[in-house]
């Protein structure tokens, strides 16, 4: 059995995954103490990351988002070349900047 913290429309939930007496996965409401403990553990892990690593996380996340977006574009336009996919991505990023009021 495994516990996993998830987010639902009703707030944080704990998914109990694996075999239980009823052989089904369950969702239970976590106590506020458990949610706080999990949050605090994440804060402590983030604080332990060296500043140089934190600085690199932005470009890494951007690169990851671009790779995911390109995969979606490739799925949408299967016959597109790599150059065309890059151009579609650039167009989408330019549109996003315009919609946000930046040029």
Protein backbone atom coordinates (compact mmCIF):
# COMPACT_ATOMS: atom_id res chain seq x y z
CA UNK A 1 0.00 0.00 0.00
CA UNK A 2 1.24 3.52 -0.87
CA UNK A 3 0.06 6.99 0.19
CA UNK A 4 0.07 9.87 -2.27
CA UNK A 5 -0.93 13.48 -1.61
CA UNK A 6 -3.18 14.76 -4.41
CA UNK A 7 -5.15 17.94 -5.06
CA UNK A 8 -8.87 17.83 -5.77
CA UNK A 9 -11.60 20.43 -6.10
CA UNK A 10 -12.27 19.89 -2.40
CA UNK A 11 -8.64 20.53 -1.44
CA UNK A 12 -5.74 18.23 -0.62
CA UNK A 13 -6.51 14.51 -0.48
CA UNK A 14 -4.51 11.42 0.31
CA UNK A 15 -4.81 8.59 -2.17
CA UNK A 16 -4.29 5.17 -0.62
CA UNK A 17 -2.94 3.16 -3.53
CA UNK A 18 -2.65 -0.59 -3.57
CA UNK A 19 -4.41 -3.54 -2.05
CA UNK A 20 -6.77 -2.76 0.78
CA UNK A 21 -9.50 -4.86 2.38
CA UNK A 22 -11.93 -3.89 -0.40
CA UNK A 23 -9.23 -4.20 -3.15
CA UNK A 24 -9.93 -0.63 -4.31
CA UNK A 25 -7.92 2.58 -4.16
CA UNK A 26 -9.32 5.09 -1.65
CA UNK A 27 -9.26 8.84 -1.16
CA UNK A 28 -9.25 10.13 2.39
CA UNK A 29 -9.15 13.66 3.75
CA UNK A 30 -5.74 14.32 5.29
CA UNK A 31 -5.44 16.00 8.62
CA UNK A 32 -4.24 19.58 8.59
CA UNK A 33 -1.20 18.42 10.57
CA UNK A 34 -0.25 15.99 7.80
CA UNK A 35 -0.73 18.60 5.09
CA UNK A 36 1.39 21.06 7.09
CA UNK A 37 4.09 18.44 7.65
CA UNK A 38 4.24 17.59 3.95
CA UNK A 39 4.37 21.28 3.05
CA UNK A 40 7.12 21.95 5.61
CA UNK A 41 9.14 19.01 4.27
CA UNK A 42 8.93 20.49 0.76
CA UNK A 43 10.02 23.91 2.11
CA UNK A 44 13.03 22.36 3.85
CA UNK A 45 14.02 20.45 0.70
CA UNK A 46 13.76 23.66 -1.35
CA UNK A 47 15.89 25.55 1.16
CA UNK A 48 18.57 22.85 0.94
CA UNK A 49 18.98 23.35 -2.80
CA UNK A 50 22.10 25.43 -3.54
CA UNK A 51 21.38 28.89 -5.04
CA UNK A 52 23.19 27.99 -8.27
CA UNK A 53 20.84 25.02 -8.77
CA UNK A 54 17.82 27.21 -8.09
CA UNK A 55 19.07 29.68 -10.68
CA UNK A 56 19.31 26.91 -13.27
CA UNK A 57 15.79 25.63 -12.54
CA UNK A 58 14.16 28.46 -14.55
CA UNK A 59 15.93 27.67 -17.83
CA UNK A 60 15.49 23.94 -17.22
CA UNK A 61 11.75 24.36 -16.69
CA UNK A 62 11.49 26.56 -19.80
CA UNK A 63 13.38 23.95 -21.85
CA UNK A 64 11.11 21.20 -20.53
CA UNK A 65 7.98 23.22 -21.36
CA UNK A 66 9.30 23.87 -24.89
CA UNK A 67 9.99 20.16 -25.43
CA UNK A 68 6.47 19.25 -24.27
CA UNK A 69 4.94 21.97 -26.47
CA UNK A 70 6.98 20.83 -29.48
CA UNK A 71 5.78 17.26 -28.91
CA UNK A 72 2.20 18.56 -28.96
CA UNK A 73 2.87 20.54 -32.14
CA UNK A 74 4.47 17.45 -33.72
CA UNK A 75 1.33 15.47 -32.81
CA UNK A 76 -0.91 18.20 -34.24
CA UNK A 77 1.20 18.56 -37.43
CA UNK A 78 2.79 15.14 -38.03
CA UNK A 79 4.28 16.11 -41.40
CA UNK A 80 5.92 19.32 -40.10
CA UNK A 81 9.69 19.59 -40.28
CA UNK A 82 11.78 20.46 -37.24
CA UNK A 83 12.18 23.98 -38.61
CA UNK A 84 8.40 24.37 -39.04
CA UNK A 85 7.82 23.11 -35.50
CA UNK A 86 10.32 25.67 -34.17
CA UNK A 87 8.52 28.41 -36.13
CA UNK A 88 5.10 27.37 -34.79
CA UNK A 89 6.52 27.39 -31.27
CA UNK A 90 8.01 30.85 -31.83
CA UNK A 91 4.66 32.09 -33.17
CA UNK A 92 2.83 30.72 -30.13
CA UNK A 93 5.30 32.34 -27.76
CA UNK A 94 4.95 35.69 -29.60
CA UNK A 95 1.15 35.41 -29.38
CA UNK A 96 1.39 34.71 -25.64
CA UNK A 97 3.56 37.81 -25.14
CA UNK A 98 1.07 39.95 -27.12
CA UNK A 99 -1.86 38.60 -25.12
CA UNK A 100 -0.02 39.41 -21.89
CA UNK A 101 0.55 42.97 -23.12
CA UNK A 102 4.28 42.56 -23.71
CA UNK A 103 5.96 42.91 -27.08
